[in-house]
Amino acid sequence: MSRKAVQLICTKEELDVLNKLANERKIQKRVVERAKIILFCHEGLRNDQISEKVHTTVMTVAKWRNRFAKYRIEGLNDKVRSGKPRKYDESIRNDILKLIEQPAPLGKSRWDGEAIAKHLRISHDIVWRILRKEGVQLQRIRMQVG
């Protein structure tokens, strides 16, 4: 026996926002899809009918129907995800960029990733990640002698 989906009834203001989102071209596709799902739910269509119209799964339609019923318009946004906390902050980036402007260590003609990591006591992986992100290529940096 199948369960009955939550019936959604939207206010005029919500319908205005949903119509605007559903027809918007400069926002993420998934937000447009979610708005269309809710509009079809408001029209009274079943989840399987909506999934065919929007070209998604029945489970996706059920998810967004329930999220909208619980949180309304705010429920259409993605939930905040924790993610892995940053291990290094902006000061490490600044330290690396300042260091490569300094004269190279004794016995070297220029800084390399290992020397920077050793000098700052950080991982060479983070050094290369930051240099790559900043577009710095150590082999192309010319040091002034004298």
Protein backbone atom coordinates (compact mmCIF):
# COMPACT_ATOMS: atom_id res chain seq x y z
CA MET A 1 0.00 0.00 0.00
CA SER A 2 1.49 3.31 -1.02
CA ARG A 3 1.65 6.29 1.27
CA LYS A 4 -0.06 9.57 0.53
CA ALA A 5 2.26 12.47 -0.24
CA VAL A 6 2.01 15.70 1.72
CA GLN A 7 -0.38 18.13 0.01
CA LEU A 8 1.32 21.49 -0.55
CA ILE A 9 -0.64 24.71 -0.54
CA CYS A 10 1.45 27.79 -1.25
CA THR A 11 0.69 31.39 -0.40
CA LYS A 12 0.54 34.02 -3.15
CA GLU A 13 3.97 35.35 -2.08
CA GLU A 14 5.48 31.85 -2.19
CA LEU A 15 4.01 31.23 -5.63
CA ASP A 16 5.50 34.49 -6.88
CA VAL A 17 8.95 33.50 -5.56
CA LEU A 18 8.66 29.96 -6.95
CA ASN A 19 7.59 31.18 -10.39
CA LYS A 20 10.47 33.64 -10.44
CA LEU A 21 12.95 30.89 -9.46
CA ALA A 22 11.50 28.39 -11.95
CA ASN A 23 11.95 30.83 -14.83
CA GLU A 24 15.30 32.28 -13.77
CA ARG A 25 18.25 31.66 -16.07
CA LYS A 26 21.05 33.02 -13.91
CA ILE A 27 20.75 30.72 -10.91
CA GLN A 28 21.82 27.15 -10.36
CA LYS A 29 19.92 24.52 -12.30
CA ARG A 30 19.13 22.52 -9.17
CA VAL A 31 17.31 25.51 -7.59
CA VAL A 32 15.23 25.92 -10.77
CA GLU A 33 14.40 22.20 -10.67
CA ARG A 34 13.35 22.38 -7.01
CA ALA A 35 11.08 25.35 -7.68
CA LYS A 36 9.43 23.50 -10.57
CA ILE A 37 8.91 20.44 -8.37
CA ILE A 38 7.14 22.53 -5.74
CA LEU A 39 4.98 24.28 -8.34
CA PHE A 40 3.86 20.90 -9.70
CA CYS A 41 3.19 19.72 -6.15
CA HIS A 42 1.03 22.81 -5.59
CA GLU A 43 -0.95 21.88 -8.71
CA GLY A 44 -1.75 18.55 -7.06
CA LEU A 45 0.32 16.23 -9.26
CA ARG A 46 1.63 12.93 -7.87
CA ASN A 47 5.35 12.38 -7.29
CA ASP A 48 5.65 9.94 -10.20
CA GLN A 49 4.01 12.43 -12.58
CA ILE A 50 6.30 15.22 -11.39
CA SER A 51 9.40 13.05 -11.72
CA GLU A 52 8.56 12.39 -15.37
CA LYS A 53 8.00 16.08 -16.11
CA VAL A 54 11.17 17.25 -14.38
CA HIS A 55 13.27 14.22 -15.46
CA THR A 56 14.33 13.20 -11.98
CA THR A 57 13.59 10.40 -9.54
CA VAL A 58 10.47 9.95 -7.44
CA MET A 59 12.68 10.02 -4.32
CA THR A 60 14.03 13.45 -5.29
CA VAL A 61 10.50 14.80 -5.71
CA ALA A 62 9.48 13.32 -2.34
CA LYS A 63 12.53 14.85 -0.67
CA TRP A 64 11.84 18.37 -1.91
CA ARG A 65 8.10 18.08 -1.26
CA ASN A 66 8.79 17.17 2.36
CA ARG A 67 11.52 19.78 2.79
CA PHE A 68 9.22 22.49 1.44
CA ALA A 69 6.37 21.34 3.69
CA LYS A 70 8.66 21.64 6.71
CA TYR A 71 10.81 24.71 5.89
CA ARG A 72 8.89 26.46 3.08
CA ILE A 73 11.02 28.57 0.64
CA GLU A 74 14.16 28.35 2.82
CA GLY A 75 13.95 24.55 2.49
CA LEU A 76 14.85 24.77 -1.22
CA ASN A 77 18.42 25.81 -0.40
CA ASP A 78 21.11 23.25 0.30
CA LYS A 79 21.81 22.46 3.92
CA VAL A 80 25.03 23.82 5.34
CA ARG A 81 27.70 21.15 5.34
CA SER A 82 30.50 21.12 7.83
CA GLY A 83 33.35 19.99 5.63
CA LYS A 84 36.87 19.52 6.79
CA PRO A 85 38.17 22.51 8.76
CA ARG A 86 41.06 24.45 7.25
CA LYS A 87 44.40 23.37 8.59
CA TYR A 88 46.24 26.46 7.40
CA ASP A 89 44.98 30.01 7.37
CA GLU A 90 45.70 33.13 5.33
CA SER A 91 48.82 33.92 7.39
CA ILE A 92 50.59 30.81 6.02
CA ARG A 93 49.86 31.99 2.48
CA ASN A 94 51.27 35.42 3.28
CA ASP A 95 54.36 33.90 4.94
CA ILE A 96 55.08 31.77 1.86
CA LEU A 97 54.69 34.71 -0.53
CA LYS A 98 56.94 36.94 1.63
CA LEU A 99 59.56 34.23 1.95
CA ILE A 100 59.97 33.66 -1.78
CA GLU A 101 60.80 37.36 -2.16
CA GLN A 102 63.74 36.92 0.24
CA PRO A 103 67.17 35.73 -0.88
CA ALA A 104 67.42 31.97 -1.35
CA PRO A 105 68.92 29.84 1.44
CA LEU A 106 72.65 29.23 1.48
CA GLY A 107 73.78 26.83 -1.21
CA LYS A 108 70.68 27.31 -3.38
CA SER A 109 70.15 29.58 -6.34
CA ARG A 110 66.42 29.93 -5.61
CA TRP A 111 63.70 28.77 -3.24
CA ASP A 112 62.09 25.40 -3.82
CA GLY A 113 59.06 23.80 -2.20
CA GLU A 114 61.09 21.66 0.20
CA ALA A 115 63.19 24.62 1.38
CA ILE A 116 60.09 26.75 1.96
CA ALA A 117 58.38 23.95 3.88
CA LYS A 118 61.46 23.32 6.00
CA HIS A 119 61.95 27.03 6.74
CA LEU A 120 58.29 27.55 7.75
CA ARG A 121 57.97 24.11 9.39
CA ILE A 122 54.92 23.15 7.36
CA SER A 123 54.07 20.40 4.90
CA HIS A 124 55.54 20.73 1.41
CA ASP A 125 52.11 19.69 0.08
CA ILE A 126 50.51 22.85 1.46
CA VAL A 127 53.37 24.93 0.03
CA TRP A 128 52.77 23.57 -3.46
CA ARG A 129 48.99 23.85 -3.11
CA ILE A 130 49.25 27.53 -2.18
CA LEU A 131 51.85 28.29 -4.88
CA ARG A 132 49.70 26.57 -7.50
CA LYS A 133 46.61 28.48 -6.37
CA GLU A 134 48.51 31.77 -6.57
CA GLY A 135 49.99 30.91 -9.96
CA VAL A 136 53.57 31.12 -8.68
CA GLN A 137 56.16 29.07 -10.54
CA LEU A 138 59.35 28.97 -8.51
CA GLN A 139 61.55 27.94 -11.43
CA ARG A 140 60.64 31.18 -13.23
CA ILE A 141 61.47 33.52 -10.37
CA ARG A 142 64.77 35.36 -10.91
CA MET A 143 66.78 36.34 -7.85
CA GLN A 144 68.85 39.47 -7.84
CA VAL A 145 72.39 38.84 -6.67
CA GLY A 146 74.27 41.52 -4.92
